Amino acid sequence: MDPEKVEYELQHFNFCSEDIIAENQLLVKSLIQQTLVSFTDEFIAKHKVPSETAMEMRSRCYPAANEMFAECGPKLEELSQLYRDTFTIPDNVLLPSDLMQRKGYTAEQVEQLQTTANGLEKQIRQDGVFLSMLEEEIKLHERLDACIEEGVQLMELAERYRQMEIVPAEECAVVQDLAEFMKNVMQM
């Protein structure tokens, strides 16, 4: 594998796919050997095999393990290809850190961009507070609209009573003043 590509993977993943493949193959080989040795030892102990025959059986464990490992080769190669496909960065892909290096940003520019981002974040929070205040203001105006509507109805009723001479003119004037005041409040 290309040393530059390995270095690139090490920088991004902190490992490279070839390291995983090598460790995986070593682990499989070791497990096969340990399992075969353990199985042989149990077989020898259970069947009380004589020591010369036991030594011969044990000596055949590692060659047999190597043959078993060789038989696992095609499946291990499929697994290795999966590791390569999963953990290899394609040549045409740039990582975010590469983009900064490619554009040649300086530390001051990065700091300036961070300051700008922080300012925008602060502005968004302030705008959120302002929007919630506006929503409360709208709710207040909706409630005041209902009061003004009732005030207008009250004023119309007072005017009707005044025309019918049920309510004195002075009291009608108070109701009209109240209605005017409510309209002024709504216009603020």
N, C-alpha and C. Protein backbone atom coordinates (compact mmCIF):
# COMPACT_ATOMS: atom_id res chain seq x y z
N MET A 1 0.85 -1.19 0.00
CA MET A 1 0.00 0.00 0.00
C MET A 1 0.89 1.24 0.00
N ASP A 2 0.39 2.28 -0.60
CA ASP A 2 1.11 3.55 -0.72
C ASP A 2 1.37 4.14 0.67
N PRO A 3 2.63 4.46 1.00
CA PRO A 3 2.92 5.00 2.34
C PRO A 3 2.18 6.32 2.62
N GLU A 4 1.99 7.16 1.61
CA GLU A 4 1.25 8.41 1.82
C GLU A 4 -0.20 8.12 2.20
N LYS A 5 -0.78 7.12 1.55
CA LYS A 5 -2.17 6.76 1.84
C LYS A 5 -2.29 6.21 3.26
N VAL A 6 -1.30 5.39 3.65
CA VAL A 6 -1.29 4.85 5.02
C VAL A 6 -1.19 6.00 6.02
N GLU A 7 -0.33 6.96 5.75
CA GLU A 7 -0.17 8.11 6.65
C GLU A 7 -1.47 8.91 6.73
N TYR A 8 -2.12 9.06 5.58
CA TYR A 8 -3.39 9.80 5.53
C TYR A 8 -4.45 9.11 6.39
N GLU A 9 -4.55 7.77 6.28
CA GLU A 9 -5.51 7.01 7.09
C GLU A 9 -5.16 7.11 8.57
N LEU A 10 -3.86 7.05 8.88
CA LEU A 10 -3.44 7.16 10.28
C LEU A 10 -3.84 8.51 10.87
N GLN A 11 -3.71 9.57 10.07
CA GLN A 11 -4.10 10.90 10.56
C GLN A 11 -5.60 10.98 10.80
N HIS A 12 -6.38 10.35 9.92
CA HIS A 12 -7.85 10.48 10.04
C HIS A 12 -8.44 9.50 11.04
N PHE A 13 -8.07 8.21 10.93
CA PHE A 13 -8.69 7.18 11.76
C PHE A 13 -7.86 6.82 13.01
N ASN A 14 -6.60 7.21 13.04
CA ASN A 14 -5.63 6.78 14.06
C ASN A 14 -5.26 5.31 13.88
N PHE A 15 -5.54 4.74 12.74
CA PHE A 15 -5.11 3.40 12.36
C PHE A 15 -5.25 3.32 10.85
N CYS A 16 -4.65 2.28 10.25
CA CYS A 16 -4.85 2.08 8.80
C CYS A 16 -5.45 0.70 8.59
N SER A 17 -6.08 0.51 7.46
CA SER A 17 -6.78 -0.74 7.19
C SER A 17 -5.82 -1.92 7.16
N GLU A 18 -4.60 -1.71 6.68
CA GLU A 18 -3.64 -2.82 6.62
C GLU A 18 -3.25 -3.30 8.02
N ASP A 19 -3.17 -2.39 8.97
CA ASP A 19 -2.88 -2.80 10.36
C ASP A 19 -4.00 -3.68 10.90
N ILE A 20 -5.25 -3.29 10.64
CA ILE A 20 -6.38 -4.09 11.11
C ILE A 20 -6.37 -5.47 10.47
N ILE A 21 -6.07 -5.51 9.18
CA ILE A 21 -6.04 -6.79 8.46
C ILE A 21 -4.96 -7.69 9.05
N ALA A 22 -3.77 -7.14 9.27
CA ALA A 22 -2.67 -7.95 9.83
C ALA A 22 -3.02 -8.44 11.23
N GLU A 23 -3.58 -7.57 12.06
CA GLU A 23 -3.96 -7.98 13.42
C GLU A 23 -5.06 -9.04 13.39
N ASN A 24 -6.01 -8.88 12.48
CA ASN A 24 -7.11 -9.84 12.37
C ASN A 24 -6.58 -11.22 11.95
N GLN A 25 -5.69 -11.26 10.98
CA GLN A 25 -5.14 -12.54 10.54
C GLN A 25 -4.31 -13.19 11.64
N LEU A 26 -3.52 -12.40 12.35
CA LEU A 26 -2.73 -12.93 13.45
C LEU A 26 -3.64 -13.48 14.56
N LEU A 27 -4.74 -12.77 14.83
CA LEU A 27 -5.68 -13.22 15.86
C LEU A 27 -6.34 -14.53 15.45
N VAL A 28 -6.77 -14.65 14.20
CA VAL A 28 -7.41 -15.89 13.74
C VAL A 28 -6.43 -17.05 13.83
N LYS A 29 -5.19 -16.83 13.36
CA LYS A 29 -4.17 -17.89 13.41
C LYS A 29 -3.91 -18.32 14.85
N SER A 30 -3.78 -17.34 15.75
CA SER A 30 -3.51 -17.63 17.14
C SER A 30 -4.67 -18.41 17.78
N LEU A 31 -5.91 -18.01 17.48
CA LEU A 31 -7.08 -18.71 18.03
C LEU A 31 -7.15 -20.15 17.53
N ILE A 32 -6.86 -20.36 16.26
CA ILE A 32 -6.87 -21.73 15.72
C ILE A 32 -5.83 -22.58 16.44
N GLN A 33 -4.61 -22.04 16.59
CA GLN A 33 -3.54 -22.78 17.26
C GLN A 33 -3.91 -23.08 18.71
N GLN A 34 -4.37 -22.08 19.44
CA GLN A 34 -4.70 -22.28 20.86
C GLN A 34 -5.85 -23.28 21.02
N THR A 35 -6.84 -23.18 20.14
CA THR A 35 -7.97 -24.11 20.23
C THR A 35 -7.53 -25.54 19.96
N LEU A 36 -6.69 -25.71 18.93
CA LEU A 36 -6.23 -27.05 18.58
C LEU A 36 -5.34 -27.63 19.69
N VAL A 37 -4.45 -26.82 20.25
CA VAL A 37 -3.59 -27.28 21.35
C VAL A 37 -4.45 -27.64 22.56
N SER A 38 -5.43 -26.80 22.90
CA SER A 38 -6.30 -27.07 24.04
C SER A 38 -7.11 -28.34 23.82
N PHE A 39 -7.66 -28.51 22.61
CA PHE A 39 -8.44 -29.70 22.30
C PHE A 39 -7.56 -30.95 22.41
N THR A 40 -6.32 -30.86 21.89
CA THR A 40 -5.40 -32.00 21.94
C THR A 40 -5.05 -32.35 23.38
N ASP A 41 -4.78 -31.34 24.20
CA ASP A 41 -4.45 -31.60 25.61
C ASP A 41 -5.62 -32.27 26.34
N GLU A 42 -6.84 -31.80 26.07
CA GLU A 42 -8.01 -32.44 26.70
C GLU A 42 -8.18 -33.88 26.22
N PHE A 43 -7.96 -34.08 24.94
CA PHE A 43 -8.09 -35.43 24.38
C PHE A 43 -7.07 -36.38 25.03
N ILE A 44 -5.82 -35.88 25.15
CA ILE A 44 -4.75 -36.69 25.75
C ILE A 44 -5.08 -37.00 27.21
N ALA A 45 -5.55 -36.02 27.95
CA ALA A 45 -5.88 -36.23 29.37
C ALA A 45 -7.07 -37.16 29.53
N LYS A 46 -8.08 -37.01 28.71
CA LYS A 46 -9.30 -37.82 28.85
C LYS A 46 -9.07 -39.28 28.46
N HIS A 47 -8.27 -39.50 27.42
CA HIS A 47 -8.05 -40.86 26.94
C HIS A 47 -6.75 -41.47 27.46
N LYS A 48 -6.08 -40.75 28.34
CA LYS A 48 -4.84 -41.25 28.96
C LYS A 48 -3.87 -41.80 27.91
N VAL A 49 -3.55 -40.92 26.95
CA VAL A 49 -2.64 -41.29 25.86
C VAL A 49 -1.22 -41.36 26.43
N PRO A 50 -0.43 -42.36 26.02
CA PRO A 50 0.96 -42.45 26.49
C PRO A 50 1.77 -41.21 26.09
N SER A 51 2.82 -40.94 26.84
CA SER A 51 3.56 -39.69 26.67
C SER A 51 4.21 -39.57 25.30
N GLU A 52 4.76 -40.64 24.71
CA GLU A 52 5.37 -40.55 23.38
C GLU A 52 4.33 -40.20 22.33
N THR A 53 3.20 -40.82 22.39
CA THR A 53 2.13 -40.54 21.44
C THR A 53 1.58 -39.13 21.67
N ALA A 54 1.50 -38.72 22.93
CA ALA A 54 1.01 -37.38 23.26
C ALA A 54 1.94 -36.32 22.69
N MET A 55 3.27 -36.55 22.81
CA MET A 55 4.23 -35.60 22.25
C MET A 55 4.09 -35.52 20.74
N GLU A 56 3.89 -36.67 20.10
CA GLU A 56 3.73 -36.69 18.64
C GLU A 56 2.46 -35.94 18.25
N MET A 57 1.39 -36.14 19.01
CA MET A 57 0.12 -35.44 18.71
C MET A 57 0.30 -33.93 18.87
N ARG A 58 1.00 -33.56 19.94
CA ARG A 58 1.21 -32.12 20.17
C ARG A 58 2.09 -31.51 19.08
N SER A 59 3.05 -32.24 18.60
CA SER A 59 3.94 -31.71 17.56
C SER A 59 3.20 -31.50 16.24
N ARG A 60 2.12 -32.21 16.04
CA ARG A 60 1.34 -32.06 14.81
C ARG A 60 0.31 -30.93 14.90
N CYS A 61 0.15 -30.35 16.07
CA CYS A 61 -0.86 -29.29 16.25
C CYS A 61 -0.57 -28.07 15.38
N TYR A 62 0.69 -27.60 15.39
CA TYR A 62 0.99 -26.36 14.66
C TYR A 62 0.92 -26.53 13.14
N PRO A 63 1.43 -27.63 12.57
CA PRO A 63 1.23 -27.82 11.13
C PRO A 63 -0.27 -27.94 10.76
N ALA A 64 -1.02 -28.63 11.62
CA ALA A 64 -2.46 -28.75 11.36
C ALA A 64 -3.14 -27.39 11.47
N ALA A 65 -2.73 -26.59 12.44
CA ALA A 65 -3.29 -25.24 12.59
C ALA A 65 -2.98 -24.38 11.38
N ASN A 66 -1.75 -24.54 10.83
CA ASN A 66 -1.39 -23.78 9.63
C ASN A 66 -2.25 -24.19 8.43
N GLU A 67 -2.53 -25.46 8.32
CA GLU A 67 -3.40 -25.94 7.22
C GLU A 67 -4.83 -25.39 7.40
N MET A 68 -5.31 -25.40 8.64
CA MET A 68 -6.65 -24.87 8.91
C MET A 68 -6.70 -23.36 8.59
N PHE A 69 -5.62 -22.67 8.94
CA PHE A 69 -5.56 -21.23 8.66
C PHE A 69 -5.55 -20.99 7.15
N ALA A 70 -4.82 -21.84 6.42
CA ALA A 70 -4.77 -21.69 4.96
C ALA A 70 -6.17 -21.92 4.35
N GLU A 71 -6.93 -22.85 4.93
CA GLU A 71 -8.29 -23.09 4.44
C GLU A 71 -9.22 -21.90 4.71
N CYS A 72 -8.89 -21.12 5.73
CA CYS A 72 -9.68 -19.91 6.03
C CYS A 72 -9.30 -18.75 5.12
N GLY A 73 -8.27 -18.91 4.32
CA GLY A 73 -7.74 -17.84 3.48
C GLY A 73 -8.76 -17.09 2.65
N PRO A 74 -9.62 -17.77 1.88
CA PRO A 74 -10.59 -17.03 1.05
C PRO A 74 -11.55 -16.16 1.87
N LYS A 75 -12.02 -16.69 2.98
CA LYS A 75 -12.93 -15.91 3.83
C LYS A 75 -12.20 -14.74 4.50
N LEU A 76 -10.96 -14.99 4.90
CA LEU A 76 -10.17 -13.90 5.49
C LEU A 76 -9.89 -12.82 4.45
N GLU A 77 -9.68 -13.23 3.21
CA GLU A 77 -9.44 -12.23 2.15
C GLU A 77 -10.70 -11.40 1.90
N GLU A 78 -11.87 -12.03 1.97
CA GLU A 78 -13.13 -11.28 1.84
C GLU A 78 -13.26 -10.27 2.98
N LEU A 79 -12.93 -10.71 4.18
CA LEU A 79 -12.98 -9.82 5.34
C LEU A 79 -11.96 -8.69 5.19
N SER A 80 -10.78 -9.03 4.70
CA SER A 80 -9.74 -8.01 4.47
C SER A 80 -10.20 -6.98 3.46
N GLN A 81 -10.86 -7.44 2.41
CA GLN A 81 -11.36 -6.50 1.40
C GLN A 81 -12.44 -5.59 2.00
N LEU A 82 -13.26 -6.15 2.87
CA LEU A 82 -14.26 -5.33 3.56
C LEU A 82 -13.59 -4.25 4.40
N TYR A 83 -12.53 -4.61 5.12
CA TYR A 83 -11.78 -3.61 5.89
C TYR A 83 -11.20 -2.55 4.98
N ARG A 84 -10.63 -2.96 3.86
CA ARG A 84 -10.05 -1.99 2.92
C ARG A 84 -11.12 -1.05 2.38
N ASP A 85 -12.26 -1.61 2.01
CA ASP A 85 -13.34 -0.77 1.46
C ASP A 85 -13.89 0.19 2.51
N THR A 86 -13.97 -0.27 3.75
CA THR A 86 -14.57 0.54 4.81
C THR A 86 -13.63 1.61 5.32
N PHE A 87 -12.37 1.27 5.47
CA PHE A 87 -11.44 2.19 6.14
C PHE A 87 -10.40 2.82 5.21
N THR A 88 -10.66 2.82 3.92
CA THR A 88 -9.76 3.48 3.00
C THR A 88 -10.42 4.77 2.54
N ILE A 89 -9.66 5.84 2.57
CA ILE A 89 -10.18 7.14 2.12
C ILE A 89 -9.92 7.24 0.62
N PRO A 90 -10.97 7.41 -0.18
CA PRO A 90 -10.78 7.50 -1.64
C PRO A 90 -9.88 8.68 -2.00
N ASP A 91 -9.20 8.56 -3.14
CA ASP A 91 -8.26 9.59 -3.57
C ASP A 91 -8.94 10.93 -3.82
N ASN A 92 -10.19 10.92 -4.24
CA ASN A 92 -10.85 12.18 -4.60
C ASN A 92 -11.58 12.84 -3.43
N VAL A 93 -11.39 12.33 -2.21
CA VAL A 93 -12.08 12.88 -1.05
C VAL A 93 -11.10 13.70 -0.22
N LEU A 94 -11.54 14.91 0.11
CA LEU A 94 -10.75 15.76 0.99
C LEU A 94 -11.41 15.79 2.36
N LEU A 95 -10.61 15.66 3.38
CA LEU A 95 -11.12 15.79 4.74
C LEU A 95 -11.22 17.27 5.08
N PRO A 96 -12.04 17.64 6.07
CA PRO A 96 -12.15 19.06 6.44
C PRO A 96 -10.80 19.69 6.77
N SER A 97 -9.93 18.94 7.42
CA SER A 97 -8.61 19.49 7.75
C SER A 97 -7.80 19.76 6.48
N ASP A 98 -7.99 18.93 5.43
CA ASP A 98 -7.29 19.15 4.17
C ASP A 98 -7.77 20.40 3.47
N LEU A 99 -9.06 20.66 3.57
CA LEU A 99 -9.62 21.83 2.91
C LEU A 99 -8.98 23.10 3.47
N MET A 100 -8.80 23.13 4.78
CA MET A 100 -8.16 24.30 5.38
C MET A 100 -6.73 24.43 4.89
N GLN A 101 -6.01 23.31 4.79
CA GLN A 101 -4.63 23.36 4.32
C GLN A 101 -4.57 23.73 2.84
N ARG A 102 -5.53 23.24 2.08
CA ARG A 102 -5.55 23.51 0.64
C ARG A 102 -5.81 24.99 0.38
N LYS A 103 -6.72 25.57 1.14
CA LYS A 103 -7.01 26.99 0.97
C LYS A 103 -5.97 27.87 1.66
N GLY A 104 -5.17 27.29 2.51
CA GLY A 104 -4.10 28.02 3.16
C GLY A 104 -4.57 28.98 4.23
N TYR A 105 -5.54 28.58 5.03
CA TYR A 105 -6.00 29.43 6.12
C TYR A 105 -4.92 29.55 7.18
N THR A 106 -4.77 30.75 7.69
CA THR A 106 -3.84 30.96 8.79
C THR A 106 -4.59 30.82 10.10
N ALA A 107 -3.83 30.76 11.17
CA ALA A 107 -4.45 30.65 12.50
C ALA A 107 -5.31 31.87 12.79
N GLU A 108 -4.87 33.05 12.32
CA GLU A 108 -5.65 34.27 12.54
C GLU A 108 -6.98 34.21 11.78
N GLN A 109 -6.94 33.68 10.55
CA GLN A 109 -8.18 33.56 9.78
C GLN A 109 -9.15 32.59 10.45
N VAL A 110 -8.61 31.49 10.94
CA VAL A 110 -9.46 30.51 11.62
C VAL A 110 -10.06 31.15 12.87
N GLU A 111 -9.27 31.90 13.60
CA GLU A 111 -9.77 32.58 14.80
C GLU A 111 -10.84 33.61 14.43
N GLN A 112 -10.61 34.33 13.33
CA GLN A 112 -11.59 35.32 12.88
C GLN A 112 -12.90 34.64 12.49
N LEU A 113 -12.81 33.51 11.78
CA LEU A 113 -14.02 32.76 11.41
C LEU A 113 -14.74 32.26 12.66
N GLN A 114 -13.99 31.82 13.65
CA GLN A 114 -14.61 31.35 14.90
C GLN A 114 -15.30 32.49 15.61
N THR A 115 -14.67 33.67 15.61
CA THR A 115 -15.28 34.85 16.22
C THR A 115 -16.57 35.23 15.50
N THR A 116 -16.53 35.17 14.17
CA THR A 116 -17.73 35.47 13.38
C THR A 116 -18.84 34.46 13.70
N ALA A 117 -18.48 33.19 13.76
CA ALA A 117 -19.47 32.15 14.08
C ALA A 117 -20.06 32.37 15.47
N ASN A 118 -19.22 32.72 16.44
CA ASN A 118 -19.71 32.99 17.79
C ASN A 118 -20.65 34.19 17.80
N GLY A 119 -20.31 35.24 17.02
CA GLY A 119 -21.17 36.42 16.93
C GLY A 119 -22.52 36.08 16.32
N LEU A 120 -22.50 35.26 15.26
CA LEU A 120 -23.75 34.85 14.63
C LEU A 120 -24.60 34.00 15.58
N GLU A 121 -23.94 33.15 16.33
CA GLU A 121 -24.67 32.33 17.30
C GLU A 121 -25.33 33.20 18.36
N LYS A 122 -24.61 34.22 18.82
CA LYS A 122 -25.16 35.15 19.81
C LYS A 122 -26.35 35.91 19.22
N GLN A 123 -26.22 36.34 17.96
CA GLN A 123 -27.30 37.06 17.29
C GLN A 123 -28.54 36.18 17.14
N ILE A 124 -28.34 34.92 16.84
CA ILE A 124 -29.46 33.98 16.72
C ILE A 124 -30.18 33.85 18.05
N ARG A 125 -29.42 33.73 19.14
CA ARG A 125 -30.06 33.64 20.46
C ARG A 125 -30.84 34.91 20.77
N GLN A 126 -30.26 36.09 20.45
CA GLN A 126 -30.95 37.35 20.70
C GLN A 126 -32.22 37.45 19.85
N ASP A 127 -32.12 37.02 18.60
CA ASP A 127 -33.30 37.04 17.73
C ASP A 127 -34.39 36.12 18.26
N GLY A 128 -33.98 34.99 18.83
CA GLY A 128 -34.95 34.08 19.42
C GLY A 128 -35.68 34.72 20.59
N VAL A 129 -34.93 35.44 21.42
CA VAL A 129 -35.55 36.15 22.55
C VAL A 129 -36.49 37.22 22.03
N PHE A 130 -36.05 37.96 21.01
CA PHE A 130 -36.88 39.01 20.43
C PHE A 130 -38.17 38.44 19.85
N LEU A 131 -38.06 37.30 19.16
CA LEU A 131 -39.26 36.68 18.59
C LEU A 131 -40.23 36.24 19.69
N SER A 132 -39.71 35.69 20.77
CA SER A 132 -40.61 35.28 21.85
C SER A 132 -41.27 36.50 22.48
N MET A 133 -40.53 37.62 22.57
CA MET A 133 -41.14 38.85 23.09
C MET A 133 -42.23 39.34 22.15
N LEU A 134 -41.99 39.24 20.85
CA LEU A 134 -43.02 39.65 19.87
C LEU A 134 -44.26 38.77 19.97
N GLU A 135 -44.04 37.48 20.18
CA GLU A 135 -45.18 36.58 20.33
C GLU A 135 -46.02 36.97 21.54
N GLU A 136 -45.36 37.31 22.64
CA GLU A 136 -46.09 37.76 23.83
C GLU A 136 -46.83 39.07 23.54
N GLU A 137 -46.18 39.96 22.79
CA GLU A 137 -46.82 41.23 22.42
C GLU A 137 -48.06 40.98 21.57
N ILE A 138 -47.98 40.03 20.66
CA ILE A 138 -49.13 39.70 19.81
C ILE A 138 -50.27 39.17 20.66
N LYS A 139 -49.94 38.31 21.62
CA LYS A 139 -50.99 37.78 22.50
C LYS A 139 -51.64 38.91 23.30
N LEU A 140 -50.84 39.86 23.77
CA LEU A 140 -51.36 41.00 24.50
C LEU A 140 -52.30 41.81 23.62
N HIS A 141 -51.90 42.06 22.38
CA HIS A 141 -52.74 42.83 21.46
C HIS A 141 -54.04 42.09 21.15
N GLU A 142 -53.97 40.77 21.06
CA GLU A 142 -55.20 40.01 20.82
C GLU A 142 -56.17 40.18 21.99
N ARG A 143 -55.61 40.14 23.20
CA ARG A 143 -56.48 40.34 24.37
C ARG A 143 -57.02 41.77 24.40
N LEU A 144 -56.18 42.76 24.04
CA LEU A 144 -56.63 44.15 24.00
C LEU A 144 -57.67 44.37 22.90
N ASP A 145 -57.52 43.66 21.78
CA ASP A 145 -58.53 43.76 20.72
C ASP A 145 -59.91 43.38 21.25
N ALA A 146 -59.93 42.30 22.03
CA ALA A 146 -61.20 41.87 22.61
C ALA A 146 -61.75 42.95 23.54
N CYS A 147 -60.87 43.60 24.32
CA CYS A 147 -61.31 44.67 25.23
C CYS A 147 -61.84 45.86 24.44
N ILE A 148 -61.15 46.21 23.37
CA ILE A 148 -61.60 47.35 22.55
C ILE A 148 -62.93 47.04 21.91
N GLU A 149 -63.08 45.83 21.44
CA GLU A 149 -64.35 45.44 20.83
C GLU A 149 -65.48 45.56 21.85
N GLU A 150 -65.21 45.10 23.05
CA GLU A 150 -66.22 45.23 24.10
C GLU A 150 -66.45 46.69 24.45
N GLY A 151 -65.36 47.50 24.43
CA GLY A 151 -65.50 48.94 24.70
C GLY A 151 -66.34 49.62 23.64
N VAL A 152 -66.15 49.24 22.37
CA VAL A 152 -66.95 49.82 21.29
C VAL A 152 -68.42 49.43 21.47
N GLN A 153 -68.64 48.17 21.82
CA GLN A 153 -70.02 47.74 22.04
C GLN A 153 -70.63 48.50 23.22
N LEU A 154 -69.83 48.67 24.26
CA LEU A 154 -70.30 49.42 25.42
C LEU A 154 -70.62 50.86 25.04
N MET A 155 -69.75 51.47 24.21
CA MET A 155 -69.97 52.84 23.77
C MET A 155 -71.25 52.94 22.93
N GLU A 156 -71.47 51.98 22.06
CA GLU A 156 -72.68 51.98 21.24
C GLU A 156 -73.92 51.82 22.12
N LEU A 157 -73.80 50.94 23.11
CA LEU A 157 -74.91 50.74 24.03
C LEU A 157 -75.18 52.01 24.84
N ALA A 158 -74.12 52.67 25.31
CA ALA A 158 -74.27 53.92 26.06
C ALA A 158 -74.90 54.99 25.19
N GLU A 159 -74.47 55.04 23.93
CA GLU A 159 -75.04 56.03 23.00
C GLU A 159 -76.53 55.75 22.79
N ARG A 160 -76.88 54.51 22.64
CA ARG A 160 -78.29 54.16 22.46
C ARG A 160 -79.11 54.54 23.70
N TYR A 161 -78.55 54.23 24.89
CA TYR A 161 -79.27 54.60 26.13
C TYR A 161 -79.40 56.11 26.28
N ARG A 162 -78.31 56.82 25.84
CA ARG A 162 -78.36 58.29 25.95
C ARG A 162 -79.44 58.83 25.02
N GLN A 163 -79.54 58.25 23.83
CA GLN A 163 -80.57 58.72 22.90
C GLN A 163 -81.96 58.41 23.44
N MET A 164 -82.05 57.31 24.15
CA MET A 164 -83.34 56.96 24.72
C MET A 164 -83.54 57.66 26.07
N GLU A 165 -82.52 58.44 26.46
CA GLU A 165 -82.53 59.23 27.69
C GLU A 165 -82.65 58.35 28.94
N ILE A 166 -82.04 57.16 28.85
CA ILE A 166 -82.01 56.28 30.02
C ILE A 166 -80.77 56.60 30.86
N VAL A 167 -79.61 56.91 30.18
CA VAL A 167 -78.35 57.21 30.87
C VAL A 167 -78.00 58.65 30.60
N PRO A 168 -77.57 59.40 31.63
CA PRO A 168 -77.21 60.80 31.43
C PRO A 168 -76.00 60.94 30.50
N ALA A 169 -75.87 62.08 29.85
CA ALA A 169 -74.82 62.37 28.88
C ALA A 169 -73.43 62.30 29.51
N GLU A 170 -73.30 62.68 30.79
CA GLU A 170 -72.00 62.65 31.45
C GLU A 170 -71.44 61.23 31.52
N GLU A 171 -72.27 60.27 31.82
CA GLU A 171 -71.81 58.89 31.92
C GLU A 171 -71.44 58.34 30.55
N CYS A 172 -72.15 58.77 29.51
CA CYS A 172 -71.81 58.36 28.14
C CYS A 172 -70.45 58.92 27.76
N ALA A 173 -70.13 60.11 28.20
CA ALA A 173 -68.84 60.72 27.90
C ALA A 173 -67.71 59.92 28.55
N VAL A 174 -67.90 59.41 29.75
CA VAL A 174 -66.90 58.59 30.42
C VAL A 174 -66.65 57.32 29.62
N VAL A 175 -67.70 56.69 29.14
CA VAL A 175 -67.56 55.46 28.35
C VAL A 175 -66.82 55.77 27.06
N GLN A 176 -67.14 56.91 26.41
CA GLN A 176 -66.46 57.28 25.17
C GLN A 176 -64.98 57.56 25.43
N ASP A 177 -64.68 58.23 26.54
CA ASP A 177 -63.27 58.49 26.89
C ASP A 177 -62.51 57.16 27.10
N LEU A 178 -63.16 56.22 27.76
CA LEU A 178 -62.54 54.92 27.99
C LEU A 178 -62.29 54.20 26.67
N ALA A 179 -63.24 54.26 25.76
CA ALA A 179 -63.07 53.61 24.46
C ALA A 179 -61.94 54.27 23.67
N GLU A 180 -61.84 55.57 23.70
CA GLU A 180 -60.76 56.29 23.01
C GLU A 180 -59.40 55.91 23.61
N PHE A 181 -59.36 55.82 24.93
CA PHE A 181 -58.13 55.44 25.59
C PHE A 181 -57.67 54.04 25.14
N MET A 182 -58.59 53.10 25.04
CA MET A 182 -58.28 51.73 24.60
C MET A 182 -57.77 51.73 23.18
N LYS A 183 -58.35 52.56 22.30
CA LYS A 183 -57.88 52.65 20.92
C LYS A 183 -56.46 53.19 20.87
N ASN A 184 -56.18 54.17 21.70
CA ASN A 184 -54.82 54.75 21.75
C ASN A 184 -53.80 53.71 22.23
N VAL A 185 -54.19 52.92 23.22
CA VAL A 185 -53.31 51.88 23.73
C VAL A 185 -52.98 50.88 22.62
N MET A 186 -53.98 50.52 21.84
CA MET A 186 -53.77 49.55 20.76
C MET A 186 -52.85 50.10 19.68
N GLN A 187 -52.86 51.38 19.47
CA GLN A 187 -52.03 51.98 18.41
C GLN A 187 -50.58 52.13 18.84
N MET A 188 -50.28 52.00 20.10
CA MET A 188 -48.90 52.15 20.59
C MET A 188 -48.04 51.01 20.16
